[in-house]
Amino acid sequence: MSSLPTAPVSKPTPAAEPLRRPDPVRGVVWDDRNMKSSYANVCNVASTREEVVVVFGTNRSWKGEGEPVTVDLSERMILSPFAAKRLSRLLNGVIDEYERRFGAIAIAPTDAATAPASALRR
């Protein structure tokens, strides 16, 4: 009776395993089992005393100047003012580091980057 070779048992790839590394500073365990990823090239922010609302979307218009722009809103994040301030500090640090490495990011405010106020309402 001949014995057939057996395939080795494969281990899950690191991408398939949830992220459970403790943060060395605070002892936080980051669990990404329910995380999803989205792309956005447009965002807008509104706030009240109790919350900060950030909407994200994608500008899919390739039209010329003066043409209506379509922004598909995909995500709305509602943060406490405290979480929003922490996020602001984190983003500022990331942008500062990016610009040190790659040069200044030039942006100009446009009406196309502003989501309608109705998109921010729950």
PDB file of N, CA and C in Angstrom:
ATOM      1  N   MET A   1       0.843  -1.158   0.000  1.00  0.00           N
ATOM      2  CA  MET A   1       0.000   0.000   0.000  1.00  0.00           C
ATOM      3  C   MET A   1       0.889   1.222   0.000  1.00  0.00           C
ATOM      4  N   SER A   2       0.649   2.122  -0.975  1.00  0.00           N
ATOM      5  CA  SER A   2       1.495   3.313  -1.070  1.00  0.00           C
ATOM      6  C   SER A   2       0.901   4.437  -0.242  1.00  0.00           C
ATOM      7  N   SER A   3       1.781   5.175   0.343  1.00  0.00           N
ATOM      8  CA  SER A   3       1.270   6.296   1.139  1.00  0.00           C
ATOM      9  C   SER A   3       1.375   7.564   0.298  1.00  0.00           C
ATOM     10  N   LEU A   4       0.296   8.287   0.251  1.00  0.00           N
ATOM     11  CA  LEU A   4       0.259   9.544  -0.506  1.00  0.00           C
ATOM     12  C   LEU A   4       0.791  10.662   0.366  1.00  0.00           C
ATOM     13  N   PRO A   5       1.522  11.592  -0.257  1.00  0.00           N
ATOM     14  CA  PRO A   5       2.002  12.719   0.543  1.00  0.00           C
ATOM     15  C   PRO A   5       0.824  13.576   0.990  1.00  0.00           C
ATOM     16  N   THR A   6       0.920  14.094   2.157  1.00  0.00           N
ATOM     17  CA  THR A   6      -0.140  14.970   2.652  1.00  0.00           C
ATOM     18  C   THR A   6       0.324  16.414   2.545  1.00  0.00           C
ATOM     19  N   ALA A   7      -0.611  17.274   2.241  1.00  0.00           N
ATOM     20  CA  ALA A   7      -0.297  18.701   2.142  1.00  0.00           C
ATOM     21  C   ALA A   7      -0.066  19.257   3.532  1.00  0.00           C
ATOM     22  N   PRO A   8       0.915  20.117   3.673  1.00  0.00           N
ATOM     23  CA  PRO A   8       1.144  20.710   4.992  1.00  0.00           C
ATOM     24  C   PRO A   8      -0.035  21.590   5.397  1.00  0.00           C
ATOM     25  N   VAL A   9      -0.284  21.633   6.659  1.00  0.00           N
ATOM     26  CA  VAL A   9      -1.346  22.493   7.176  1.00  0.00           C
ATOM     27  C   VAL A   9      -0.868  23.921   7.076  1.00  0.00           C
ATOM     28  N   SER A  10      -1.671  24.743   6.389  1.00  0.00           N
ATOM     29  CA  SER A  10      -1.240  26.129   6.216  1.00  0.00           C
ATOM     30  C   SER A  10      -1.727  26.986   7.373  1.00  0.00           C
ATOM     31  N   LYS A  11      -0.916  27.940   7.738  1.00  0.00           N
ATOM     32  CA  LYS A  11      -1.282  28.892   8.776  1.00  0.00           C
ATOM     33  C   LYS A  11      -1.950  30.082   8.114  1.00  0.00           C
ATOM     34  N   PRO A  12      -2.870  30.741   8.791  1.00  0.00           N
ATOM     35  CA  PRO A  12      -3.481  31.933   8.206  1.00  0.00           C
ATOM     36  C   PRO A  12      -2.425  33.007   7.970  1.00  0.00           C
ATOM     37  N   THR A  13      -2.630  33.761   6.903  1.00  0.00           N
ATOM     38  CA  THR A  13      -1.707  34.848   6.615  1.00  0.00           C
ATOM     39  C   THR A  13      -1.909  35.959   7.622  1.00  0.00           C
ATOM     40  N   PRO A  14      -0.897  36.804   7.829  1.00  0.00           N
ATOM     41  CA  PRO A  14      -1.064  37.908   8.787  1.00  0.00           C
ATOM     42  C   PRO A  14      -2.250  38.801   8.452  1.00  0.00           C
ATOM     43  N   ALA A  15      -2.573  38.968   7.155  1.00  0.00           N
ATOM     44  CA  ALA A  15      -3.696  39.827   6.780  1.00  0.00           C
ATOM     45  C   ALA A  15      -5.021  39.229   7.233  1.00  0.00           C
ATOM     46  N   ALA A  16      -5.082  37.895   7.368  1.00  0.00           N
ATOM     47  CA  ALA A  16      -6.332  37.253   7.761  1.00  0.00           C
ATOM     48  C   ALA A  16      -6.524  37.249   9.268  1.00  0.00           C
ATOM     49  N   GLU A  17      -5.463  37.438  10.012  1.00  0.00           N
ATOM     50  CA  GLU A  17      -5.556  37.422  11.456  1.00  0.00           C
ATOM     51  C   GLU A  17      -5.910  38.813  11.974  1.00  0.00           C
ATOM     52  N   PRO A  18      -6.785  38.909  12.970  1.00  0.00           N
ATOM     53  CA  PRO A  18      -7.119  40.227  13.513  1.00  0.00           C
ATOM     54  C   PRO A  18      -5.906  40.864  14.184  1.00  0.00           C
ATOM     55  N   LEU A  19      -5.865  42.155  14.119  1.00  0.00           N
ATOM     56  CA  LEU A  19      -4.792  42.917  14.739  1.00  0.00           C
ATOM     57  C   LEU A  19      -5.054  42.993  16.237  1.00  0.00           C
ATOM     58  N   ARG A  20      -4.174  42.413  17.031  1.00  0.00           N
ATOM     59  CA  ARG A  20      -4.360  42.415  18.480  1.00  0.00           C
ATOM     60  C   ARG A  20      -3.057  42.749  19.180  1.00  0.00           C
ATOM     61  N   ARG A  21      -2.366  43.758  18.699  1.00  0.00           N
ATOM     62  CA  ARG A  21      -1.109  44.156  19.331  1.00  0.00           C
ATOM     63  C   ARG A  21      -1.402  45.242  20.346  1.00  0.00           C
ATOM     64  N   PRO A  22      -0.923  45.098  21.570  1.00  0.00           N
ATOM     65  CA  PRO A  22      -1.138  46.159  22.550  1.00  0.00           C
ATOM     66  C   PRO A  22      -0.323  47.395  22.202  1.00  0.00           C
ATOM     67  N   ASP A  23      -0.919  48.540  22.391  1.00  0.00           N
ATOM     68  CA  ASP A  23      -0.221  49.811  22.224  1.00  0.00           C
ATOM     69  C   ASP A  23       0.781  49.903  23.365  1.00  0.00           C
ATOM     70  N   PRO A  24       2.080  50.089  23.068  1.00  0.00           N
ATOM     71  CA  PRO A  24       3.068  50.086  24.144  1.00  0.00           C
ATOM     72  C   PRO A  24       2.904  51.231  25.134  1.00  0.00           C
ATOM     73  N   VAL A  25       2.290  52.329  24.718  1.00  0.00           N
ATOM     74  CA  VAL A  25       2.164  53.482  25.604  1.00  0.00           C
ATOM     75  C   VAL A  25       0.966  53.349  26.523  1.00  0.00           C
ATOM     76  N   ARG A  26      -0.167  52.943  25.996  1.00  0.00           N
ATOM     77  CA  ARG A  26      -1.406  52.946  26.778  1.00  0.00           C
ATOM     78  C   ARG A  26      -1.961  51.566  27.084  1.00  0.00           C
ATOM     79  N   GLY A  27      -1.365  50.527  26.536  1.00  0.00           N
ATOM     80  CA  GLY A  27      -1.894  49.194  26.764  1.00  0.00           C
ATOM     81  C   GLY A  27      -3.215  48.939  26.063  1.00  0.00           C
ATOM     82  N   VAL A  28      -3.484  49.635  24.957  1.00  0.00           N
ATOM     83  CA  VAL A  28      -4.722  49.473  24.199  1.00  0.00           C
ATOM     84  C   VAL A  28      -4.545  48.306  23.233  1.00  0.00           C
ATOM     85  N   VAL A  29      -5.549  47.448  23.125  1.00  0.00           N
ATOM     86  CA  VAL A  29      -5.536  46.369  22.149  1.00  0.00           C
ATOM     87  C   VAL A  29      -6.411  46.807  20.978  1.00  0.00           C
ATOM     88  N   TRP A  30      -5.823  46.925  19.804  1.00  0.00           N
ATOM     89  CA  TRP A  30      -6.541  47.344  18.597  1.00  0.00           C
ATOM     90  C   TRP A  30      -7.083  46.092  17.911  1.00  0.00           C
ATOM     91  N   ASP A  31      -8.385  45.909  17.916  1.00  0.00           N
ATOM     92  CA  ASP A  31      -9.033  44.737  17.340  1.00  0.00           C
ATOM     93  C   ASP A  31      -9.713  45.152  16.041  1.00  0.00           C
ATOM     94  N   ASP A  32      -9.212  44.675  14.898  1.00  0.00           N
ATOM     95  CA  ASP A  32      -9.739  45.115  13.606  1.00  0.00           C
ATOM     96  C   ASP A  32     -10.667  44.091  12.951  1.00  0.00           C
ATOM     97  N   ARG A  33     -11.227  43.171  13.729  1.00  0.00           N
ATOM     98  CA  ARG A  33     -12.078  42.134  13.127  1.00  0.00           C
ATOM     99  C   ARG A  33     -13.312  42.711  12.441  1.00  0.00           C
ATOM    100  N   ASN A  34     -13.862  43.816  12.915  1.00  0.00           N
ATOM    101  CA  ASN A  34     -15.063  44.396  12.306  1.00  0.00           C
ATOM    102  C   ASN A  34     -14.776  45.659  11.510  1.00  0.00           C
ATOM    103  N   MET A  35     -13.522  45.947  11.266  1.00  0.00           N
ATOM    104  CA  MET A  35     -13.155  47.167  10.553  1.00  0.00           C
ATOM    105  C   MET A  35     -13.419  47.011   9.053  1.00  0.00           C
ATOM    106  N   LYS A  36     -13.831  48.103   8.427  1.00  0.00           N
ATOM    107  CA  LYS A  36     -13.958  48.124   6.978  1.00  0.00           C
ATOM    108  C   LYS A  36     -13.161  49.301   6.454  1.00  0.00           C
ATOM    109  N   SER A  37     -12.761  49.223   5.224  1.00  0.00           N
ATOM    110  CA  SER A  37     -11.982  50.299   4.599  1.00  0.00           C
ATOM    111  C   SER A  37     -12.808  50.959   3.515  1.00  0.00           C
ATOM    112  N   SER A  38     -12.674  52.260   3.402  1.00  0.00           N
ATOM    113  CA  SER A  38     -13.362  53.037   2.374  1.00  0.00           C
ATOM    114  C   SER A  38     -12.387  54.049   1.814  1.00  0.00           C
ATOM    115  N   TYR A  39     -12.653  54.523   0.618  1.00  0.00           N
ATOM    116  CA  TYR A  39     -11.848  55.579   0.010  1.00  0.00           C
ATOM    117  C   TYR A  39     -12.678  56.847  -0.037  1.00  0.00           C
ATOM    118  N   ALA A  40     -12.061  57.980   0.251  1.00  0.00           N
ATOM    119  CA  ALA A  40     -12.742  59.275   0.145  1.00  0.00           C
ATOM    120  C   ALA A  40     -11.749  60.302  -0.378  1.00  0.00           C
ATOM    121  N   ASN A  41     -12.222  61.161  -1.273  1.00  0.00           N
ATOM    122  CA  ASN A  41     -11.400  62.287  -1.700  1.00  0.00           C
ATOM    123  C   ASN A  41     -12.093  63.620  -1.403  1.00  0.00           C
ATOM    124  N   VAL A  42     -13.206  63.539  -0.657  1.00  0.00           N
ATOM    125  CA  VAL A  42     -13.945  64.718  -0.231  1.00  0.00           C
ATOM    126  C   VAL A  42     -14.406  64.497   1.208  1.00  0.00           C
ATOM    127  N   CYS A  43     -14.333  65.546   2.023  1.00  0.00           N
ATOM    128  CA  CYS A  43     -14.898  65.455   3.374  1.00  0.00           C
ATOM    129  C   CYS A  43     -15.432  66.821   3.776  1.00  0.00           C
ATOM    130  N   ASN A  44     -16.323  66.804   4.742  1.00  0.00           N
ATOM    131  CA  ASN A  44     -16.884  68.031   5.288  1.00  0.00           C
ATOM    132  C   ASN A  44     -17.196  67.782   6.755  1.00  0.00           C
ATOM    133  N   VAL A  45     -17.258  68.873   7.513  1.00  0.00           N
ATOM    134  CA  VAL A  45     -17.457  68.764   8.958  1.00  0.00           C
ATOM    135  C   VAL A  45     -18.510  69.778   9.399  1.00  0.00           C
ATOM    136  N   ALA A  46     -19.352  69.367  10.338  1.00  0.00           N
ATOM    137  CA  ALA A  46     -20.306  70.258  10.991  1.00  0.00           C
ATOM    138  C   ALA A  46     -20.306  69.884  12.470  1.00  0.00           C
ATOM    139  N   SER A  47     -20.783  70.794  13.303  1.00  0.00           N
ATOM    140  CA  SER A  47     -20.764  70.477  14.731  1.00  0.00           C
ATOM    141  C   SER A  47     -21.908  71.141  15.472  1.00  0.00           C
ATOM    142  N   THR A  48     -22.197  70.556  16.626  1.00  0.00           N
ATOM    143  CA  THR A  48     -23.088  71.144  17.611  1.00  0.00           C
ATOM    144  C   THR A  48     -22.302  71.165  18.917  1.00  0.00           C
ATOM    145  N   ARG A  49     -22.922  71.581  19.987  1.00  0.00           N
ATOM    146  CA  ARG A  49     -22.231  71.586  21.279  1.00  0.00           C
ATOM    147  C   ARG A  49     -21.837  70.178  21.709  1.00  0.00           C
ATOM    148  N   GLU A  50     -22.641  69.183  21.349  1.00  0.00           N
ATOM    149  CA  GLU A  50     -22.436  67.818  21.835  1.00  0.00           C
ATOM    150  C   GLU A  50     -21.688  66.900  20.890  1.00  0.00           C
ATOM    151  N   GLU A  51     -21.595  67.258  19.591  1.00  0.00           N
ATOM    152  CA  GLU A  51     -20.983  66.332  18.644  1.00  0.00           C
ATOM    153  C   GLU A  51     -20.365  67.047  17.457  1.00  0.00           C
ATOM    154  N   VAL A  52     -19.436  66.338  16.832  1.00  0.00           N
ATOM    155  CA  VAL A  52     -18.818  66.782  15.587  1.00  0.00           C
ATOM    156  C   VAL A  52     -19.134  65.707  14.549  1.00  0.00           C
ATOM    157  N   VAL A  53     -19.694  66.128  13.426  1.00  0.00           N
ATOM    158  CA  VAL A  53     -20.090  65.196  12.379  1.00  0.00           C
ATOM    159  C   VAL A  53     -19.159  65.391  11.184  1.00  0.00           C
ATOM    160  N   VAL A  54     -18.526  64.305  10.765  1.00  0.00           N
ATOM    161  CA  VAL A  54     -17.626  64.333   9.612  1.00  0.00           C
ATOM    162  C   VAL A  54     -18.227  63.420   8.553  1.00  0.00           C
ATOM    163  N   VAL A  55     -18.437  63.949   7.340  1.00  0.00           N
ATOM    164  CA  VAL A  55     -18.928  63.121   6.238  1.00  0.00           C
ATOM    165  C   VAL A  55     -17.806  62.946   5.226  1.00  0.00           C
ATOM    166  N   PHE A  56     -17.763  61.758   4.632  1.00  0.00           N
ATOM    167  CA  PHE A  56     -16.754  61.423   3.628  1.00  0.00           C
ATOM    168  C   PHE A  56     -17.456  60.981   2.361  1.00  0.00           C
ATOM    169  N   GLY A  57     -16.830  61.268   1.238  1.00  0.00           N
ATOM    170  CA  GLY A  57     -17.400  60.858  -0.035  1.00  0.00           C
ATOM    171  C   GLY A  57     -16.369  60.871  -1.133  1.00  0.00           C
ATOM    172  N   THR A  58     -16.858  60.598  -2.331  1.00  0.00           N
ATOM    173  CA  THR A  58     -15.997  60.547  -3.507  1.00  0.00           C
ATOM    174  C   THR A  58     -16.552  61.476  -4.569  1.00  0.00           C
ATOM    175  N   ASN A  59     -15.718  62.396  -5.022  1.00  0.00           N
ATOM    176  CA  ASN A  59     -16.057  63.262  -6.142  1.00  0.00           C
ATOM    177  C   ASN A  59     -15.823  62.433  -7.401  1.00  0.00           C
ATOM    178  N   ARG A  60     -16.895  62.102  -8.090  1.00  0.00           N
ATOM    179  CA  ARG A  60     -16.748  61.269  -9.282  1.00  0.00           C
ATOM    180  C   ARG A  60     -16.973  62.053 -10.559  1.00  0.00           C
ATOM    181  N   SER A  61     -17.007  63.365 -10.452  1.00  0.00           N
ATOM    182  CA  SER A  61     -17.229  64.212 -11.621  1.00  0.00           C
ATOM    183  C   SER A  61     -15.908  64.592 -12.260  1.00  0.00           C
ATOM    184  N   TRP A  62     -15.879  64.480 -13.542  1.00  0.00           N
ATOM    185  CA  TRP A  62     -14.695  64.898 -14.295  1.00  0.00           C
ATOM    186  C   TRP A  62     -15.068  66.043 -15.222  1.00  0.00           C
ATOM    187  N   LYS A  63     -16.019  66.840 -14.776  1.00  0.00           N
ATOM    188  CA  LYS A  63     -16.542  67.923 -15.608  1.00  0.00           C
ATOM    189  C   LYS A  63     -15.687  69.166 -15.480  1.00  0.00           C
ATOM    190  N   GLY A  64     -15.870  70.067 -16.419  1.00  0.00           N
ATOM    191  CA  GLY A  64     -15.113  71.308 -16.418  1.00  0.00           C
ATOM    192  C   GLY A  64     -15.656  72.299 -15.415  1.00  0.00           C
ATOM    193  N   GLU A  65     -15.018  73.452 -15.365  1.00  0.00           N
ATOM    194  CA  GLU A  65     -15.429  74.498 -14.436  1.00  0.00           C
ATOM    195  C   GLU A  65     -16.840  74.971 -14.752  1.00  0.00           C
ATOM    196  N   GLY A  66     -17.596  75.275 -13.709  1.00  0.00           N
ATOM    197  CA  GLY A  66     -18.958  75.758 -13.887  1.00  0.00           C
ATOM    198  C   GLY A  66     -19.990  74.652 -14.004  1.00  0.00           C
ATOM    199  N   GLU A  67     -19.545  73.420 -14.149  1.00  0.00           N
ATOM    200  CA  GLU A  67     -20.456  72.277 -14.242  1.00  0.00           C
ATOM    201  C   GLU A  67     -20.809  71.789 -12.845  1.00  0.00           C
ATOM    202  N   PRO A  68     -22.009  71.251 -12.647  1.00  0.00           N
ATOM    203  CA  PRO A  68     -22.332  70.681 -11.334  1.00  0.00           C
ATOM    204  C   PRO A  68     -21.412  69.507 -11.007  1.00  0.00           C
ATOM    205  N   VAL A  69     -21.056  69.407  -9.756  1.00  0.00           N
ATOM    206  CA  VAL A  69     -20.167  68.334  -9.299  1.00  0.00           C
ATOM    207  C   VAL A  69     -20.987  67.359  -8.470  1.00  0.00           C
ATOM    208  N   THR A  70     -20.790  66.071  -8.715  1.00  0.00           N
ATOM    209  CA  THR A  70     -21.489  65.046  -7.957  1.00  0.00           C
ATOM    210  C   THR A  70     -20.527  64.420  -6.963  1.00  0.00           C
ATOM    211  N   VAL A  71     -20.919  64.438  -5.688  1.00  0.00           N
ATOM    212  CA  VAL A  71     -20.138  63.797  -4.638  1.00  0.00           C
ATOM    213  C   VAL A  71     -21.012  62.699  -4.030  1.00  0.00           C
ATOM    214  N   ASP A  72     -20.536  61.461  -4.134  1.00  0.00           N
ATOM    215  CA  ASP A  72     -21.245  60.337  -3.522  1.00  0.00           C
ATOM    216  C   ASP A  72     -20.795  60.225  -2.073  1.00  0.00           C
ATOM    217  N   LEU A  73     -21.678  60.586  -1.140  1.00  0.00           N
ATOM    218  CA  LEU A  73     -21.337  60.477   0.276  1.00  0.00           C
ATOM    219  C   LEU A  73     -21.439  59.017   0.695  1.00  0.00           C
ATOM    220  N   SER A  74     -20.413  58.544   1.403  1.00  0.00           N
ATOM    221  CA  SER A  74     -20.364  57.126   1.746  1.00  0.00           C
ATOM    222  C   SER A  74     -20.313  56.851   3.243  1.00  0.00           C
ATOM    223  N   GLU A  75     -19.744  57.751   4.009  1.00  0.00           N
ATOM    224  CA  GLU A  75     -19.572  57.505   5.439  1.00  0.00           C
ATOM    225  C   GLU A  75     -19.874  58.767   6.231  1.00  0.00           C
ATOM    226  N   ARG A  76     -20.461  58.588   7.416  1.00  0.00           N
ATOM    227  CA  ARG A  76     -20.655  59.692   8.355  1.00  0.00           C
ATOM    228  C   ARG A  76     -20.135  59.214   9.701  1.00  0.00           C
ATOM    229  N   MET A  77     -19.180  59.955  10.239  1.00  0.00           N
ATOM    230  CA  MET A  77     -18.635  59.651  11.563  1.00  0.00           C
ATOM    231  C   MET A  77     -19.117  60.728  12.520  1.00  0.00           C
ATOM    232  N   ILE A  78     -19.687  60.324  13.639  1.00  0.00           N
ATOM    233  CA  ILE A  78     -20.160  61.255  14.652  1.00  0.00           C
ATOM    234  C   ILE A  78     -19.253  61.084  15.868  1.00  0.00           C
ATOM    235  N   LEU A  79     -18.566  62.156  16.230  1.00  0.00           N
ATOM    236  CA  LEU A  79     -17.577  62.117  17.298  1.00  0.00           C
ATOM    237  C   LEU A  79     -17.965  63.059  18.419  1.00  0.00           C
ATOM    238  N   SER A  80     -17.513  62.744  19.621  1.00  0.00           N
ATOM    239  CA  SER A  80     -17.621  63.714  20.702  1.00  0.00           C
ATOM    240  C   SER A  80     -16.605  64.818  20.410  1.00  0.00           C
ATOM    241  N   PRO A  81     -16.791  66.013  20.941  1.00  0.00           N
ATOM    242  CA  PRO A  81     -15.795  67.068  20.728  1.00  0.00           C
ATOM    243  C   PRO A  81     -14.397  66.654  21.214  1.00  0.00           C
ATOM    244  N   PHE A  82     -14.335  65.843  22.264  1.00  0.00           N
ATOM    245  CA  PHE A  82     -13.037  65.401  22.786  1.00  0.00           C
ATOM    246  C   PHE A  82     -12.344  64.470  21.798  1.00  0.00           C
ATOM    247  N   ALA A  83     -13.094  63.512  21.238  1.00  0.00           N
ATOM    248  CA  ALA A  83     -12.522  62.603  20.238  1.00  0.00           C
ATOM    249  C   ALA A  83     -12.127  63.380  18.983  1.00  0.00           C
ATOM    250  N   ALA A  84     -12.944  64.373  18.607  1.00  0.00           N
ATOM    251  CA  ALA A  84     -12.624  65.183  17.422  1.00  0.00           C
ATOM    252  C   ALA A  84     -11.327  65.963  17.628  1.00  0.00           C
ATOM    253  N   LYS A  85     -11.111  66.478  18.818  1.00  0.00           N
ATOM    254  CA  LYS A  85      -9.881  67.218  19.085  1.00  0.00           C
ATOM    255  C   LYS A  85      -8.671  66.285  19.039  1.00  0.00           C
ATOM    256  N   ARG A  86      -8.816  65.078  19.599  1.00  0.00           N
ATOM    257  CA  ARG A  86      -7.717  64.107  19.517  1.00  0.00           C
ATOM    258  C   ARG A  86      -7.437  63.742  18.061  1.00  0.00           C
ATOM    259  N   LEU A  87      -8.493  63.539  17.268  1.00  0.00           N
ATOM    260  CA  LEU A  87      -8.331  63.236  15.849  1.00  0.00           C
ATOM    261  C   LEU A  87      -7.630  64.382  15.131  1.00  0.00           C
ATOM    262  N   SER A  88      -8.023  65.612  15.439  1.00  0.00           N
ATOM    263  CA  SER A  88      -7.392  66.789  14.837  1.00  0.00           C
ATOM    264  C   SER A  88      -5.893  66.802  15.111  1.00  0.00           C
ATOM    265  N   ARG A  89      -5.514  66.543  16.356  1.00  0.00           N
ATOM    266  CA  ARG A  89      -4.093  66.531  16.713  1.00  0.00           C
ATOM    267  C   ARG A  89      -3.347  65.421  15.977  1.00  0.00           C
ATOM    268  N   LEU A  90      -3.960  64.243  15.906  1.00  0.00           N
ATOM    269  CA  LEU A  90      -3.327  63.138  15.197  1.00  0.00           C
ATOM    270  C   LEU A  90      -3.152  63.459  13.713  1.00  0.00           C
ATOM    271  N   LEU A  91      -4.205  63.991  13.069  1.00  0.00           N
ATOM    272  CA  LEU A  91      -4.123  64.333  11.647  1.00  0.00           C
ATOM    273  C   LEU A  91      -3.095  65.426  11.394  1.00  0.00           C
ATOM    274  N   ASN A  92      -3.059  66.448  12.253  1.00  0.00           N
ATOM    275  CA  ASN A  92      -2.061  67.508  12.090  1.00  0.00           C
ATOM    276  C   ASN A  92      -0.654  66.944  12.155  1.00  0.00           C
ATOM    277  N   GLY A  93      -0.407  66.020  13.079  1.00  0.00           N
ATOM    278  CA  GLY A  93       0.910  65.404  13.176  1.00  0.00           C
ATOM    279  C   GLY A  93       1.267  64.605  11.938  1.00  0.00           C
ATOM    280  N   VAL A  94       0.312  63.859  11.411  1.00  0.00           N
ATOM    281  CA  VAL A  94       0.555  63.059  10.207  1.00  0.00           C
ATOM    282  C   VAL A  94       0.838  63.972   9.010  1.00  0.00           C
ATOM    283  N   ILE A  95       0.065  65.034   8.857  1.00  0.00           N
ATOM    284  CA  ILE A  95       0.273  65.960   7.734  1.00  0.00           C
ATOM    285  C   ILE A  95       1.609  66.681   7.868  1.00  0.00           C
ATOM    286  N   ASP A  96       1.967  67.120   9.072  1.00  0.00           N
ATOM    287  CA  ASP A  96       3.274  67.765   9.285  1.00  0.00           C
ATOM    288  C   ASP A  96       4.404  66.832   8.866  1.00  0.00           C
ATOM    289  N   GLU A  97       4.334  65.577   9.275  1.00  0.00           N
ATOM    290  CA  GLU A  97       5.366  64.598   8.916  1.00  0.00           C
ATOM    291  C   GLU A  97       5.394  64.361   7.406  1.00  0.00           C
ATOM    292  N   TYR A  98       4.215  64.229   6.797  1.00  0.00           N
ATOM    293  CA  TYR A  98       4.121  64.036   5.347  1.00  0.00           C
ATOM    294  C   TYR A  98       4.800  65.188   4.604  1.00  0.00           C
ATOM    295  N   GLU A  99       4.474  66.426   5.023  1.00  0.00           N
ATOM    296  CA  GLU A  99       5.039  67.592   4.330  1.00  0.00           C
ATOM    297  C   GLU A  99       6.542  67.726   4.567  1.00  0.00           C
ATOM    298  N   ARG A 100       7.039  67.307   5.704  1.00  0.00           N
ATOM    299  CA  ARG A 100       8.488  67.295   5.923  1.00  0.00           C
ATOM    300  C   ARG A 100       9.168  66.330   4.954  1.00  0.00           C
ATOM    301  N   ARG A 101       8.521  65.205   4.725  1.00  0.00           N
ATOM    302  CA  ARG A 101       9.121  64.180   3.867  1.00  0.00           C
ATOM    303  C   ARG A 101       8.935  64.458   2.381  1.00  0.00           C
ATOM    304  N   PHE A 102       7.751  64.945   1.986  1.00  0.00           N
ATOM    305  CA  PHE A 102       7.411  65.019   0.571  1.00  0.00           C
ATOM    306  C   PHE A 102       7.140  66.427   0.048  1.00  0.00           C
ATOM    307  N   GLY A 103       7.141  67.432   0.894  1.00  0.00           N
ATOM    308  CA  GLY A 103       6.853  68.793   0.465  1.00  0.00           C
ATOM    309  C   GLY A 103       5.432  69.199   0.800  1.00  0.00           C
ATOM    310  N   ALA A 104       5.197  70.497   0.716  1.00  0.00           N
ATOM    311  CA  ALA A 104       3.905  71.070   1.099  1.00  0.00           C
ATOM    312  C   ALA A 104       2.777  70.554   0.210  1.00  0.00           C
ATOM    313  N   ILE A 105       1.626  70.374   0.807  1.00  0.00           N
ATOM    314  CA  ILE A 105       0.412  69.996   0.089  1.00  0.00           C
ATOM    315  C   ILE A 105      -0.354  71.284  -0.180  1.00  0.00           C
ATOM    316  N   ALA A 106      -0.534  71.608  -1.444  1.00  0.00           N
ATOM    317  CA  ALA A 106      -1.258  72.827  -1.818  1.00  0.00           C
ATOM    318  C   ALA A 106      -2.725  72.474  -2.045  1.00  0.00           C
ATOM    319  N   ILE A 107      -3.609  73.105  -1.285  1.00  0.00           N
ATOM    320  CA  ILE A 107      -5.044  72.902  -1.490  1.00  0.00           C
ATOM    321  C   ILE A 107      -5.715  74.264  -1.603  1.00  0.00           C
ATOM    322  N   ALA A 108      -6.762  74.297  -2.373  1.00  0.00           N
ATOM    323  CA  ALA A 108      -7.545  75.522  -2.516  1.00  0.00           C
ATOM    324  C   ALA A 108      -8.990  75.181  -2.180  1.00  0.00           C
ATOM    325  N   PRO A 109      -9.649  75.986  -1.352  1.00  0.00           N
ATOM    326  CA  PRO A 109     -11.049  75.696  -1.040  1.00  0.00           C
ATOM    327  C   PRO A 109     -11.910  75.870  -2.282  1.00  0.00           C
ATOM    328  N   THR A 110     -12.822  74.932  -2.491  1.00  0.00           N
ATOM    329  CA  THR A 110     -13.742  75.021  -3.621  1.00  0.00           C
ATOM    330  C   THR A 110     -15.134  74.661  -3.147  1.00  0.00           C
ATOM    331  N   ASP A 111     -16.124  75.125  -3.869  1.00  0.00           N
ATOM    332  CA  ASP A 111     -17.504  74.770  -3.548  1.00  0.00           C
ATOM    333  C   ASP A 111     -17.726  73.276  -3.721  1.00  0.00           C
ATOM    334  N   ALA A 112     -16.985  72.634  -4.613  1.00  0.00           N
ATOM    335  CA  ALA A 112     -17.170  71.207  -4.876  1.00  0.00           C
ATOM    336  C   ALA A 112     -16.812  70.358  -3.672  1.00  0.00           C
ATOM    337  N   ALA A 113     -15.947  70.862  -2.806  1.00  0.00           N
ATOM    338  CA  ALA A 113     -15.530  70.078  -1.638  1.00  0.00           C
ATOM    339  C   ALA A 113     -16.495  70.226  -0.476  1.00  0.00           C
ATOM    340  N   THR A 114     -17.528  71.013  -0.624  1.00  0.00           N
ATOM    341  CA  THR A 114     -18.475  71.249   0.462  1.00  0.00           C
ATOM    342  C   THR A 114     -19.733  70.426   0.251  1.00  0.00           C
ATOM    343  N   ALA A 115     -19.980  69.517   1.164  1.00  0.00           N
ATOM    344  CA  ALA A 115     -21.187  68.691   1.079  1.00  0.00           C
ATOM    345  C   ALA A 115     -22.389  69.536   1.504  1.00  0.00           C
ATOM    346  N   PRO A 116     -23.568  69.241   0.983  1.00  0.00           N
ATOM    347  CA  PRO A 116     -24.751  69.992   1.392  1.00  0.00           C
ATOM    348  C   PRO A 116     -25.051  69.742   2.867  1.00  0.00           C
ATOM    349  N   ALA A 117     -25.617  70.748   3.511  1.00  0.00           N
ATOM    350  CA  ALA A 117     -25.916  70.627   4.942  1.00  0.00           C
ATOM    351  C   ALA A 117     -26.866  69.466   5.206  1.00  0.00           C
ATOM    352  N   SER A 118     -27.745  69.163   4.255  1.00  0.00           N
ATOM    353  CA  SER A 118     -28.681  68.050   4.448  1.00  0.00           C
ATOM    354  C   SER A 118     -27.960  66.726   4.595  1.00  0.00           C
ATOM    355  N   ALA A 119     -26.764  66.604   4.050  1.00  0.00           N
ATOM    356  CA  ALA A 119     -26.012  65.356   4.159  1.00  0.00           C
ATOM    357  C   ALA A 119     -25.492  65.133   5.557  1.00  0.00           C
ATOM    358  N   LEU A 120     -25.383  66.192   6.343  1.00  0.00           N
ATOM    359  CA  LEU A 120     -24.859  66.088   7.683  1.00  0.00           C
ATOM    360  C   LEU A 120     -25.926  65.768   8.708  1.00  0.00           C
ATOM    361  N   ARG A 121     -27.172  65.947   8.349  1.00  0.00           N
ATOM    362  CA  ARG A 121     -28.264  65.663   9.290  1.00  0.00           C
ATOM    363  C   ARG A 121     -28.467  64.175   9.408  1.00  0.00           C
ATOM    364  N   ARG A 122     -28.866  63.752  10.596  1.00  0.00           N
ATOM    365  CA  ARG A 122     -29.129  62.314  10.807  1.00  0.00           C
ATOM    366  C   ARG A 122     -30.462  61.924  10.269  1.00  0.00           C
TER     367      ARG A 122
END
